[in-house]
Amino acid sequence: MKKIAFYTLGCKVNQVETEQMKEEFIHRGYEIVDFADEADAYIINTCTVTHVSDRKSRAMVRRASRHPHALVAITGCMAQVAGEELADLEGVDLIVNNLNKESIADIIEQLDPEQKRPVIINGASDKARNLRPVLYSRQHERTRAFVKIQDGCQSGCSYCIVPRARGPVRSKLPQDVLREIKQLLSLGYREIVLTGIHTGFYGIDLKSGDLLHLLEMILNETGGDYRIRLSSLEPLEVTPEIIGLAAHDARMCRHFHIPLQSGSNKILKAMNRRYSREYYYDLLKTIAGSIPGVALTADVMTGFPGEEDKDFEDSYDLIDSLPFMDLHVFPYSRRPGTRAASISPQIPPREKQARSQKLLSLARQKHSDFVHSQVGQELILLVERQAEKGEYIGLSDNYIEVSFNSLYDRRGEFAPVRVEGFDAGRIEGSISDP
């Protein structure tokens, strides 16, 4: 039996796509092994959203190339936008762009051993093609299941390389999404995360409805004890109807990740983000007022070109005024080929890092405040892992991890747990049905 190993960098969509690739190779008789083990083939699913992602991707390629008799294949976003650069790395046999990633098993098995390396598969996009469904035969490592409902982005944010890396919007047909979810529930999953590169754009290329209609179809046609979590949604895509659905159906997780990027109207305009700080403030206040206990999280960028002290203060003050549960803070990374790469002045790295640290400190305080607000509440946890004998850790629908003691193994199950306290970053609870 041939052995194959994977390494994944970047976003949840990349992680989902790696699971899909694994499933395809399993069907063909391959054994999946750890990336550190000996294998016949190594696949690196790369990311290119920042220069740090590029560096990590190259490092993993070099690591795989230490196995001289193994096939080394690169796919993902860096393979899409910088395939020629990756082709110069020693030991690379195959480069497959994002648009052909789902066919990588066929490509590998059809490689001519005499063909000059590296082989570069860089096919053109088919805008009319919908995403194909993936029906898993077994549970994977994670307790939660991810369903990729959409790929591609055409928003045109001035700092972002993703439209080049992912191509135009392509959606999975609603009936195919439903088939995947029913299959995952039959395998024992109890939380389904709907994800995509631009999840809120789901359906704009279809005639069969948008994200709201997809959610309503899933909830109406799928029974059982499960819950649905939405991945990132842009501010203009969080509609009153979606908020209402999350407020009134307990199967919808009380968690919205809504990228902010900046709290300065000047910077938002330069980023080509199509909302204002005032719109964002009103939206999050509406959600918080409609859904008790909702977790609100966001992406925030520091050091965008031209960001002055006043612009950063606008971001800090807006975040401070809102009931966030957590933030993903990251410094601007200059991406060749984007409009922001040519904007002046570029902010010095030291200043970007200093601003990031200030926001990270605020994020820690926001997280502490949110968790303390949950003390005394009973939450339904999806039990994910065992910390030590008799102690388990689960994730609530509003995205906090709570540890509790149990007499038996409850991994993969729902468990009602009352939050008892929060100390030194550790959230403790007691199970309500011992």
Protein backbone atom coordinates (compact mmCIF):
# COMPACT_ATOMS: atom_id res chain seq x y z
CA MET A 1 0.00 0.00 0.00
CA LYS A 2 1.39 3.40 -0.96
CA LYS A 3 1.78 6.00 1.78
CA ILE A 4 1.00 9.68 1.37
CA ALA A 5 1.46 12.64 3.75
CA PHE A 6 -0.09 16.11 3.75
CA TYR A 7 0.81 19.48 5.25
CA THR A 8 -1.71 22.31 5.21
CA LEU A 9 -1.10 26.02 5.70
CA GLY A 10 -3.60 28.83 5.88
CA CYS A 11 -7.35 29.09 6.14
CA LYS A 12 -10.15 26.70 7.01
CA VAL A 13 -10.93 26.28 3.30
CA ASN A 14 -7.44 24.91 2.71
CA GLN A 15 -7.96 22.51 5.61
CA VAL A 16 -11.27 21.33 4.15
CA GLU A 17 -9.66 20.82 0.76
CA THR A 18 -6.89 18.73 2.31
CA GLU A 19 -9.51 16.48 3.91
CA GLN A 20 -11.15 16.14 0.49
CA MET A 21 -7.82 15.17 -1.08
CA LYS A 22 -7.21 12.63 1.67
CA GLU A 23 -10.60 11.06 1.05
CA GLU A 24 -9.83 10.70 -2.65
CA PHE A 25 -6.49 9.00 -1.98
CA ILE A 26 -8.05 6.68 0.62
CA HIS A 27 -10.55 5.53 -2.02
CA ARG A 28 -7.57 4.71 -4.24
CA GLY A 29 -5.95 2.53 -1.60
CA TYR A 30 -3.39 4.92 -0.11
CA GLU A 31 -2.48 5.02 3.58
CA ILE A 32 -2.42 8.51 5.12
CA VAL A 33 0.66 9.00 7.32
CA ASP A 34 2.09 11.86 9.36
CA PHE A 35 4.17 14.42 7.48
CA ALA A 36 7.18 13.52 9.64
CA ASP A 37 7.01 9.86 8.59
CA GLU A 38 8.38 8.16 5.51
CA ALA A 39 5.95 8.32 2.59
CA ASP A 40 5.82 7.72 -1.14
CA ALA A 41 4.37 11.18 -1.76
CA TYR A 42 4.15 14.47 0.14
CA ILE A 43 1.55 17.12 -0.69
CA ILE A 44 1.95 20.67 0.64
CA ASN A 45 -1.25 22.75 0.48
CA THR A 46 0.17 26.27 0.52
CA CYS A 47 -1.03 29.73 1.56
CA THR A 48 0.09 33.10 0.22
CA VAL A 49 -2.04 35.63 2.11
CA THR A 50 1.08 37.11 3.81
CA HIS A 51 4.83 36.98 3.30
CA VAL A 52 5.00 34.83 6.45
CA SER A 53 2.69 32.30 4.76
CA ASP A 54 5.00 32.24 1.74
CA ARG A 55 8.03 31.62 3.96
CA LYS A 56 6.33 28.77 5.83
CA SER A 57 5.17 27.21 2.55
CA ARG A 58 8.71 27.20 1.15
CA ALA A 59 10.06 25.75 4.41
CA MET A 60 7.65 22.81 4.26
CA VAL A 61 8.59 22.14 0.63
CA ARG A 62 12.26 21.98 1.62
CA ARG A 63 11.39 19.64 4.47
CA ALA A 64 9.54 17.25 2.16
CA SER A 65 12.40 17.38 -0.35
CA ARG A 66 14.69 15.70 2.20
CA HIS A 67 13.07 12.45 1.07
CA PRO A 68 14.81 12.00 -2.30
CA HIS A 69 12.77 9.01 -3.46
CA ALA A 70 9.37 10.50 -2.64
CA LEU A 71 7.17 12.58 -4.94
CA VAL A 72 6.83 16.17 -3.71
CA ALA A 73 3.69 17.96 -4.90
CA ILE A 74 2.69 21.56 -4.17
CA THR A 75 -0.82 22.95 -4.48
CA GLY A 76 -2.83 25.78 -2.93
CA CYS A 77 -2.74 29.55 -3.20
CA MET A 78 1.02 30.02 -3.50
CA ALA A 79 1.07 27.41 -6.25
CA GLN A 80 -1.62 29.45 -8.00
CA VAL A 81 0.13 32.85 -7.93
CA ALA A 82 3.82 31.91 -7.69
CA GLY A 83 4.14 28.53 -9.40
CA GLU A 84 7.27 29.52 -11.34
CA GLU A 85 8.99 30.62 -8.14
CA LEU A 86 8.17 27.31 -6.45
CA ALA A 87 9.43 25.43 -9.50
CA ASP A 88 12.92 26.70 -8.70
CA LEU A 89 12.97 24.92 -5.33
CA GLU A 90 15.05 21.77 -5.29
CA GLY A 91 13.20 18.46 -5.16
CA VAL A 92 9.80 19.68 -6.40
CA ASP A 93 8.10 17.19 -8.76
CA LEU A 94 4.62 18.64 -9.27
CA ILE A 95 2.88 22.00 -8.95
CA VAL A 96 -0.93 22.03 -9.18
CA ASN A 97 -2.87 25.28 -9.04
CA ASN A 98 -6.04 25.78 -6.98
CA LEU A 99 -8.34 25.35 -9.94
CA ASN A 100 -7.09 21.79 -10.46
CA LYS A 101 -6.57 20.86 -6.82
CA GLU A 102 -9.60 18.58 -6.63
CA SER A 103 -8.09 16.46 -9.45
CA ILE A 104 -4.67 16.04 -7.85
CA ALA A 105 -5.09 12.29 -7.27
CA ASP A 106 -5.73 11.74 -10.99
CA ILE A 107 -2.81 14.00 -11.88
CA ILE A 108 -0.36 12.15 -9.62
CA GLU A 109 -1.40 8.72 -10.79
CA GLN A 110 -1.13 9.74 -14.45
CA LEU A 111 2.34 11.31 -14.15
CA ASP A 112 4.86 9.99 -16.64
CA PRO A 113 7.96 8.93 -14.65
CA GLU A 114 10.12 10.03 -17.59
CA GLN A 115 8.56 13.50 -17.76
CA LYS A 116 10.85 16.41 -16.93
CA ARG A 117 10.31 17.77 -13.41
CA PRO A 118 8.73 19.80 -12.08
CA VAL A 119 5.45 19.31 -13.90
CA ILE A 120 3.28 22.43 -13.64
CA ILE A 121 -0.51 22.08 -13.93
CA ASN A 122 -1.86 25.58 -14.39
CA GLY A 123 -5.20 25.24 -16.15
CA ALA A 124 -7.64 28.06 -16.79
CA SER A 125 -10.75 28.73 -14.72
CA ASP A 126 -14.15 27.49 -15.78
CA LYS A 127 -16.55 30.12 -14.43
CA ALA A 128 -19.58 27.94 -15.10
CA ARG A 129 -18.29 25.00 -13.07
CA ASN A 130 -19.93 24.38 -9.71
CA LEU A 131 -18.05 22.83 -6.82
CA ARG A 132 -18.40 19.08 -6.72
CA PRO A 133 -19.77 17.40 -3.58
CA VAL A 134 -17.54 15.31 -1.34
CA LEU A 135 -19.16 12.40 0.51
CA TYR A 136 -16.84 11.23 3.28
CA SER A 137 -16.60 7.57 4.20
CA ARG A 138 -15.29 8.09 7.73
CA GLN A 139 -14.80 10.69 10.44
CA HIS A 140 -11.57 12.66 10.28
CA GLU A 141 -9.42 13.98 13.10
CA ARG A 142 -11.66 16.92 14.00
CA THR A 143 -14.83 16.66 16.06
CA ARG A 144 -16.48 19.35 13.94
CA ALA A 145 -17.17 18.84 10.24
CA PHE A 146 -16.46 21.53 7.66
CA VAL A 147 -18.46 21.84 4.44
CA LYS A 148 -17.03 24.05 1.72
CA ILE A 149 -20.04 25.70 0.11
CA GLN A 150 -18.26 28.27 -2.03
CA ASP A 151 -14.89 29.21 -3.52
CA GLY A 152 -13.44 32.35 -5.07
CA CYS A 153 -13.78 36.07 -4.40
CA GLN A 154 -14.33 39.13 -6.57
CA SER A 155 -14.57 41.88 -3.96
CA GLY A 156 -11.33 43.56 -5.01
CA CYS A 157 -10.02 44.70 -1.62
CA SER A 158 -6.88 46.68 -2.43
CA TYR A 159 -4.57 44.70 -0.11
CA CYS A 160 -5.76 41.19 -0.97
CA ILE A 161 -4.17 38.59 -3.24
CA VAL A 162 -7.04 36.11 -2.76
CA PRO A 163 -8.98 36.89 -5.99
CA ARG A 164 -5.82 36.01 -7.96
CA ALA A 165 -5.22 32.93 -5.85
CA ARG A 166 -8.79 31.63 -5.87
CA GLY A 167 -10.46 32.92 -9.00
CA PRO A 168 -14.11 33.94 -9.41
CA VAL A 169 -17.00 32.86 -7.19
CA ARG A 170 -18.17 29.27 -7.66
CA SER A 171 -20.89 27.83 -5.43
CA LYS A 172 -21.83 24.28 -4.57
CA LEU A 173 -25.37 23.36 -5.59
CA PRO A 174 -27.78 23.47 -2.63
CA GLN A 175 -28.80 19.83 -3.05
CA ASP A 176 -25.13 18.82 -2.99
CA VAL A 177 -24.54 20.79 0.22
CA LEU A 178 -27.53 19.04 1.76
CA ARG A 179 -26.23 15.60 0.70
CA GLU A 180 -22.86 16.31 2.30
CA ILE A 181 -24.41 17.48 5.56
CA LYS A 182 -26.71 14.46 5.83
CA GLN A 183 -23.76 12.16 5.20
CA LEU A 184 -21.65 13.90 7.86
CA LEU A 185 -24.48 13.68 10.40
CA SER A 186 -24.82 9.97 9.63
CA LEU A 187 -21.11 9.57 10.45
CA GLY A 188 -21.73 11.04 13.90
CA TYR A 189 -20.75 14.69 13.52
CA ARG A 190 -22.83 17.09 15.59
CA GLU A 191 -21.50 20.45 14.39
CA ILE A 192 -21.31 21.48 10.75
CA VAL A 193 -19.26 24.56 9.84
CA LEU A 194 -20.24 26.15 6.53
CA THR A 195 -17.15 27.73 5.04
CA GLY A 196 -15.85 29.34 1.89
CA ILE A 197 -13.42 31.95 0.64
CA HIS A 198 -16.27 34.49 0.60
CA THR A 199 -19.09 32.63 2.31
CA GLY A 200 -21.59 35.45 2.08
CA PHE A 201 -21.31 35.43 -1.72
CA TYR A 202 -22.77 31.93 -1.80
CA GLY A 203 -25.25 31.55 -4.63
CA ILE A 204 -24.51 34.70 -6.64
CA ASP A 205 -23.54 32.40 -9.53
CA LEU A 206 -26.62 30.19 -9.11
CA LYS A 207 -30.31 30.61 -9.86
CA SER A 208 -31.33 28.67 -6.77
CA GLY A 209 -30.98 31.18 -3.95
CA ASP A 210 -28.50 32.80 -1.62
CA LEU A 211 -26.96 31.93 1.77
CA LEU A 212 -30.20 32.58 3.64
CA HIS A 213 -32.14 30.20 1.40
CA LEU A 214 -29.42 27.56 1.83
CA LEU A 215 -29.60 27.85 5.61
CA GLU A 216 -33.40 27.62 5.60
CA MET A 217 -33.27 24.54 3.38
CA ILE A 218 -30.73 22.81 5.63
CA LEU A 219 -32.72 23.53 8.79
CA ASN A 220 -36.04 22.54 7.22
CA GLU A 221 -34.86 19.32 5.57
CA THR A 222 -32.34 17.97 8.09
CA GLY A 223 -33.49 16.57 11.40
CA GLY A 224 -31.56 15.43 14.42
CA ASP A 225 -29.48 16.89 17.23
CA TYR A 226 -26.89 19.07 15.52
CA ARG A 227 -25.85 22.67 15.06
CA ILE A 228 -24.68 24.90 12.20
CA ARG A 229 -21.83 27.38 12.49
CA LEU A 230 -21.12 30.04 9.88
CA SER A 231 -17.57 30.99 9.00
CA SER A 232 -16.60 34.57 8.24
CA LEU A 233 -19.29 36.87 6.80
CA GLU A 234 -18.59 40.36 5.48
CA PRO A 235 -20.50 43.22 7.18
CA LEU A 236 -22.75 43.95 4.19
CA GLU A 237 -23.78 40.27 3.99
CA VAL A 238 -25.09 39.88 7.55
CA THR A 239 -28.73 40.60 6.78
CA PRO A 240 -31.60 41.11 9.24
CA GLU A 241 -33.01 37.78 8.04
CA ILE A 242 -29.79 35.89 8.89
CA ILE A 243 -29.66 37.60 12.29
CA GLY A 244 -33.29 36.62 12.88
CA LEU A 245 -32.62 33.01 11.91
CA ALA A 246 -29.71 32.82 14.37
CA ALA A 247 -31.85 34.42 17.07
CA HIS A 248 -34.78 32.01 16.75
CA ASP A 249 -33.32 28.61 15.77
CA ALA A 250 -31.22 26.98 18.48
CA ARG A 251 -29.39 24.94 15.84
CA MET A 252 -27.67 28.11 14.63
CA CYS A 253 -24.54 28.86 16.65
CA ARG A 254 -24.49 32.19 18.44
CA HIS A 255 -21.27 33.24 16.77
CA PHE A 256 -20.57 35.76 14.02
CA HIS A 257 -17.09 36.40 12.67
CA ILE A 258 -17.36 39.72 10.83
CA PRO A 259 -14.10 41.22 9.51
CA LEU A 260 -13.55 44.86 10.41
CA GLN A 261 -10.01 45.41 9.04
CA SER A 262 -10.02 49.08 10.09
CA GLY A 263 -12.11 51.47 12.15
CA SER A 264 -11.02 54.47 10.11
CA ASN A 265 -13.32 55.56 7.29
CA LYS A 266 -10.31 56.93 5.39
CA ILE A 267 -8.51 53.58 5.55
CA LEU A 268 -11.66 51.58 4.79
CA LYS A 269 -12.07 53.60 1.60
CA ALA A 270 -8.42 53.03 0.63
CA MET A 271 -8.91 49.31 1.29
CA ASN A 272 -11.97 49.31 -1.00
CA ARG A 273 -14.13 48.06 1.85
CA ARG A 274 -17.70 49.15 1.08
CA TYR A 275 -18.96 50.08 4.55
CA SER A 276 -18.25 52.74 7.16
CA ARG A 277 -17.27 52.52 10.82
CA GLU A 278 -20.76 53.76 11.65
CA TYR A 279 -22.39 50.94 9.67
CA TYR A 280 -20.19 48.37 11.37
CA TYR A 281 -20.97 49.77 14.83
CA ASP A 282 -24.73 49.69 14.22
CA LEU A 283 -24.56 46.14 12.81
CA LEU A 284 -22.73 44.66 15.79
CA LYS A 285 -24.94 46.47 18.27
CA THR A 286 -28.00 45.08 16.45
CA ILE A 287 -26.65 41.53 16.60
CA ALA A 288 -25.69 41.83 20.27
CA GLY A 289 -29.14 43.22 21.09
CA SER A 290 -30.93 40.47 19.16
CA ILE A 291 -29.03 37.38 20.34
CA PRO A 292 -28.18 37.16 24.07
CA GLY A 293 -24.74 35.69 24.69
CA VAL A 294 -23.66 35.98 21.05
CA ALA A 295 -19.91 35.81 20.37
CA LEU A 296 -18.66 38.51 18.02
CA THR A 297 -15.19 38.13 16.53
CA ALA A 298 -13.35 40.04 13.83
CA ASP A 299 -10.20 40.41 11.74
CA VAL A 300 -8.32 43.68 12.20
CA MET A 301 -5.35 44.85 10.16
CA THR A 302 -2.73 47.27 11.46
CA GLY A 303 -0.30 49.34 9.42
CA PHE A 304 -2.18 49.59 6.14
CA PRO A 305 -0.30 52.06 3.90
CA GLY A 306 -1.14 55.61 4.91
CA GLU A 307 -2.53 54.62 8.33
CA GLU A 308 -1.76 57.56 10.60
CA ASP A 309 -1.97 57.63 14.38
CA LYS A 310 -5.49 59.09 14.17
CA ASP A 311 -6.61 56.23 11.91
CA PHE A 312 -5.28 53.67 14.36
CA GLU A 313 -6.98 55.47 17.25
CA ASP A 314 -10.26 55.29 15.32
CA SER A 315 -9.81 51.52 15.06
CA TYR A 316 -8.92 51.16 18.72
CA ASP A 317 -11.84 53.30 19.90
CA LEU A 318 -14.38 51.50 17.69
CA ILE A 319 -13.25 48.10 18.91
CA ASP A 320 -13.25 49.28 22.51
CA SER A 321 -16.86 50.43 22.15
CA LEU A 322 -18.16 47.08 20.88
CA PRO A 323 -18.91 43.80 22.73
CA PHE A 324 -16.31 41.63 21.00
CA MET A 325 -15.46 38.18 22.28
CA ASP A 326 -12.13 38.02 20.44
CA LEU A 327 -10.07 39.50 17.62
CA HIS A 328 -7.68 38.20 14.98
CA VAL A 329 -5.08 40.97 14.74
CA PHE A 330 -2.43 40.96 12.03
CA PRO A 331 -0.06 43.52 10.48
CA TYR A 332 -0.47 44.51 6.84
CA SER A 333 1.64 42.39 4.51
CA ARG A 334 2.64 43.89 1.17
CA ARG A 335 1.50 41.59 -1.65
CA PRO A 336 2.98 42.23 -5.12
CA GLY A 337 0.27 42.71 -7.71
CA THR A 338 -2.21 44.36 -5.33
CA ARG A 339 -3.12 48.05 -5.47
CA ALA A 340 -2.09 48.62 -1.86
CA ALA A 341 1.47 47.55 -2.66
CA SER A 342 2.02 50.85 -4.49
CA ILE A 343 0.33 53.12 -1.91
CA SER A 344 2.60 55.46 0.02
CA PRO A 345 3.71 55.78 2.69
CA GLN A 346 4.23 52.16 3.71
CA ILE A 347 4.25 51.81 7.51
CA PRO A 348 7.52 50.65 9.14
CA PRO A 349 7.39 47.07 10.51
CA ARG A 350 8.15 48.23 14.06
CA GLU A 351 5.14 50.57 14.05
CA LYS A 352 2.86 47.86 12.62
CA GLN A 353 3.93 45.47 15.36
CA ALA A 354 3.49 48.09 18.10
CA ARG A 355 -0.06 48.80 16.95
CA SER A 356 -0.79 45.07 16.73
CA GLN A 357 0.35 44.57 20.31
CA LYS A 358 -1.98 47.31 21.54
CA LEU A 359 -4.94 45.67 19.84
CA LEU A 360 -3.94 42.21 21.06
CA SER A 361 -3.92 43.55 24.61
CA LEU A 362 -7.39 44.98 24.06
CA ALA A 363 -8.51 41.65 22.57
CA ARG A 364 -7.38 39.79 25.70
CA GLN A 365 -9.40 42.15 27.85
CA LYS A 366 -12.46 41.77 25.61
CA HIS A 367 -12.18 37.97 25.81
CA SER A 368 -11.90 38.08 29.60
CA ASP A 369 -14.95 40.34 29.87
CA PHE A 370 -17.00 38.07 27.62
CA VAL A 371 -16.09 34.89 29.49
CA HIS A 372 -16.88 36.49 32.85
CA SER A 373 -20.29 37.44 31.45
CA GLN A 374 -20.92 33.72 30.86
CA VAL A 375 -20.15 32.60 34.42
CA GLY A 376 -23.28 31.00 35.85
CA GLN A 377 -24.72 30.26 32.38
CA GLU A 378 -25.44 26.73 31.19
CA LEU A 379 -23.87 26.12 27.79
CA ILE A 380 -24.18 23.15 25.47
CA LEU A 381 -20.67 21.99 24.68
CA LEU A 382 -19.53 19.82 21.83
CA VAL A 383 -16.94 17.73 23.67
CA GLU A 384 -13.77 17.80 21.57
CA ARG A 385 -10.90 16.26 23.51
CA GLN A 386 -9.68 14.77 26.76
CA ALA A 387 -7.24 16.94 28.71
CA GLU A 388 -6.36 14.27 31.25
CA LYS A 389 -8.08 11.33 32.89
CA GLY A 390 -11.64 12.32 33.77
CA GLU A 391 -11.26 15.86 32.38
CA TYR A 392 -12.70 16.94 29.03
CA ILE A 393 -12.78 20.13 26.99
CA GLY A 394 -15.69 21.20 24.84
CA LEU A 395 -16.66 24.11 22.62
CA SER A 396 -19.85 26.06 23.18
CA ASP A 397 -22.06 27.37 20.41
CA ASN A 398 -20.79 30.86 21.33
CA TYR A 399 -17.22 29.76 20.80
CA ILE A 400 -15.66 29.39 24.22
CA GLU A 401 -13.74 26.33 25.40
CA VAL A 402 -14.77 24.99 28.80
CA SER A 403 -13.14 22.18 30.76
CA PHE A 404 -15.20 19.89 33.00
CA ASN A 405 -14.99 16.52 34.71
CA SER A 406 -16.95 13.50 33.56
CA LEU A 407 -17.10 9.87 34.66
CA TYR A 408 -17.18 8.63 31.08
CA ASP A 409 -15.82 9.62 27.68
CA ARG A 410 -18.16 12.13 26.02
CA ARG A 411 -16.01 13.11 23.04
CA GLY A 412 -18.12 13.86 19.99
CA GLU A 413 -21.26 14.32 22.11
CA PHE A 414 -23.17 17.36 23.34
CA ALA A 415 -22.95 18.01 27.07
CA PRO A 416 -24.78 20.65 29.15
CA VAL A 417 -22.18 22.40 31.30
CA ARG A 418 -22.54 25.32 33.72
CA VAL A 419 -19.66 27.81 33.58
CA GLU A 420 -18.19 28.09 37.08
CA GLY A 421 -15.19 30.35 36.71
CA PHE A 422 -12.37 31.80 34.65
CA ASP A 423 -8.82 31.99 35.92
CA ALA A 424 -5.45 32.40 34.13
CA GLY A 425 -7.02 31.75 30.75
CA ARG A 426 -8.74 28.56 31.88
CA ILE A 427 -12.54 28.32 31.79
CA GLU A 428 -13.97 25.71 34.13
CA GLY A 429 -17.45 24.27 34.37
CA SER A 430 -19.49 21.48 35.88
CA ILE A 431 -21.63 19.09 33.94
CA SER A 432 -25.37 19.41 34.50
CA ASP A 433 -26.32 15.77 33.86
CA PRO A 434 -23.62 13.72 35.64
